[in-house]
Amino acid sequence: MKDSLDAQLRDQQAGFRKDRWCTDRIATLRIIVEQSIECDTLIHINLTEHEKAFDNVNRKTLWKILPHYGVH
């Protein structure tokens, strides 16, 4: 299942993936902010909280739809 899911995620997707660290994403964000300051450009940042998102998933329904996305 892991390989099927990894194939569907963008390389930039770091959450809940092996060898993907929060500190890497923080460093990337810092570079973007620093470059926007240097170039005097406006950036917009949207951070969302997904705490316990997976606790709210109906697992029976999830298993029914996963094959549609190539997860077997």
C-alpha atoms as a PDB file:
ATOM      1  CA  MET A   1       0.000   0.000   0.000  1.00  0.00           C
ATOM      2  CA  LYS A   2       2.869   2.373   0.830  1.00  0.00           C
ATOM      3  CA  ASP A   3       4.272   2.243  -2.705  1.00  0.00           C
ATOM      4  CA  SER A   4       0.858   2.950  -4.221  1.00  0.00           C
ATOM      5  CA  LEU A   5       0.344   5.951  -1.972  1.00  0.00           C
ATOM      6  CA  ASP A   6       3.869   7.310  -2.447  1.00  0.00           C
ATOM      7  CA  ALA A   7       3.397   7.193  -6.213  1.00  0.00           C
ATOM      8  CA  GLN A   8       0.338   9.448  -5.900  1.00  0.00           C
ATOM      9  CA  LEU A   9       1.935  12.092  -3.656  1.00  0.00           C
ATOM     10  CA  ARG A  10       3.897  15.058  -4.906  1.00  0.00           C
ATOM     11  CA  ASP A  11       7.566  15.077  -3.971  1.00  0.00           C
ATOM     12  CA  GLN A  12       6.927  18.210  -1.903  1.00  0.00           C
ATOM     13  CA  GLN A  13       4.487  16.337   0.350  1.00  0.00           C
ATOM     14  CA  ALA A  14       6.420  15.717   3.560  1.00  0.00           C
ATOM     15  CA  GLY A  15       3.848  14.998   6.253  1.00  0.00           C
ATOM     16  CA  PHE A  16       3.739  11.430   7.557  1.00  0.00           C
ATOM     17  CA  ARG A  17       6.391  10.194   5.116  1.00  0.00           C
ATOM     18  CA  LYS A  18       9.598   8.346   5.916  1.00  0.00           C
ATOM     19  CA  ASP A  19      12.778  10.426   5.794  1.00  0.00           C
ATOM     20  CA  ARG A  20      10.858  13.686   5.343  1.00  0.00           C
ATOM     21  CA  TRP A  21      11.545  16.108   8.158  1.00  0.00           C
ATOM     22  CA  CYS A  22       9.693  19.120   9.431  1.00  0.00           C
ATOM     23  CA  THR A  23      13.003  20.966   9.793  1.00  0.00           C
ATOM     24  CA  ASP A  24      13.584  20.643   6.035  1.00  0.00           C
ATOM     25  CA  ARG A  25      10.253  22.339   5.345  1.00  0.00           C
ATOM     26  CA  ILE A  26      10.993  25.069   7.896  1.00  0.00           C
ATOM     27  CA  ALA A  27      14.346  25.749   6.211  1.00  0.00           C
ATOM     28  CA  THR A  28      12.639  25.954   2.815  1.00  0.00           C
ATOM     29  CA  LEU A  29      10.048  28.362   4.168  1.00  0.00           C
ATOM     30  CA  ARG A  30      12.775  30.522   5.695  1.00  0.00           C
ATOM     31  CA  ILE A  31      14.589  30.731   2.357  1.00  0.00           C
ATOM     32  CA  ILE A  32      11.368  31.735   0.599  1.00  0.00           C
ATOM     33  CA  VAL A  33      10.691  34.463   3.170  1.00  0.00           C
ATOM     34  CA  GLU A  34      14.269  35.763   2.966  1.00  0.00           C
ATOM     35  CA  GLN A  35      14.118  35.880  -0.840  1.00  0.00           C
ATOM     36  CA  SER A  36      10.800  37.706  -0.777  1.00  0.00           C
ATOM     37  CA  ILE A  37      12.315  40.324   1.533  1.00  0.00           C
ATOM     38  CA  GLU A  38      15.367  40.711  -0.729  1.00  0.00           C
ATOM     39  CA  CYS A  39      13.157  41.088  -3.814  1.00  0.00           C
ATOM     40  CA  ASP A  40      10.622  43.264  -1.997  1.00  0.00           C
ATOM     41  CA  THR A  41       7.782  40.955  -3.003  1.00  0.00           C
ATOM     42  CA  LEU A  42       4.667  40.013  -1.117  1.00  0.00           C
ATOM     43  CA  ILE A  43       4.079  36.381  -0.200  1.00  0.00           C
ATOM     44  CA  HIS A  44       1.079  34.678   1.344  1.00  0.00           C
ATOM     45  CA  ILE A  45       1.478  31.775   3.744  1.00  0.00           C
ATOM     46  CA  ASN A  46      -1.386  29.515   4.737  1.00  0.00           C
ATOM     47  CA  LEU A  47      -0.821  27.072   7.575  1.00  0.00           C
ATOM     48  CA  THR A  48      -3.519  24.598   8.484  1.00  0.00           C
ATOM     49  CA  GLU A  49      -3.929  22.341  11.493  1.00  0.00           C
ATOM     50  CA  HIS A  50      -4.842  18.758  10.761  1.00  0.00           C
ATOM     51  CA  GLU A  51      -4.664  17.335  14.258  1.00  0.00           C
ATOM     52  CA  LYS A  52      -6.420  13.994  14.492  1.00  0.00           C
ATOM     53  CA  ALA A  53      -7.582  14.236  10.879  1.00  0.00           C
ATOM     54  CA  PHE A  54      -7.261  10.500  10.455  1.00  0.00           C
ATOM     55  CA  ASP A  55      -9.409   9.836  13.522  1.00  0.00           C
ATOM     56  CA  ASN A  56     -12.346  11.341  11.625  1.00  0.00           C
ATOM     57  CA  VAL A  57     -12.096   9.081   8.587  1.00  0.00           C
ATOM     58  CA  ASN A  58     -14.731   6.400   8.114  1.00  0.00           C
ATOM     59  CA  ARG A  59     -12.381   3.481   7.567  1.00  0.00           C
ATOM     60  CA  LYS A  60     -15.006   1.261   5.919  1.00  0.00           C
ATOM     61  CA  THR A  61     -15.626   3.927   3.275  1.00  0.00           C
ATOM     62  CA  LEU A  62     -11.903   4.578   2.921  1.00  0.00           C
ATOM     63  CA  TRP A  63     -11.183   0.939   2.072  1.00  0.00           C
ATOM     64  CA  LYS A  64     -13.960   1.034  -0.534  1.00  0.00           C
ATOM     65  CA  ILE A  65     -12.553   4.050  -2.391  1.00  0.00           C
ATOM     66  CA  LEU A  66      -8.813   3.279  -2.197  1.00  0.00           C
ATOM     67  CA  PRO A  67      -8.872   0.921  -5.225  1.00  0.00           C
ATOM     68  CA  HIS A  68     -10.169   3.825  -7.332  1.00  0.00           C
ATOM     69  CA  TYR A  69      -6.851   5.571  -6.606  1.00  0.00           C
ATOM     70  CA  GLY A  70      -4.757   2.511  -7.404  1.00  0.00           C
ATOM     71  CA  VAL A  71      -4.299   1.308  -3.828  1.00  0.00           C
ATOM     72  CA  HIS A  72      -4.910  -2.437  -3.547  1.00  0.00           C
END
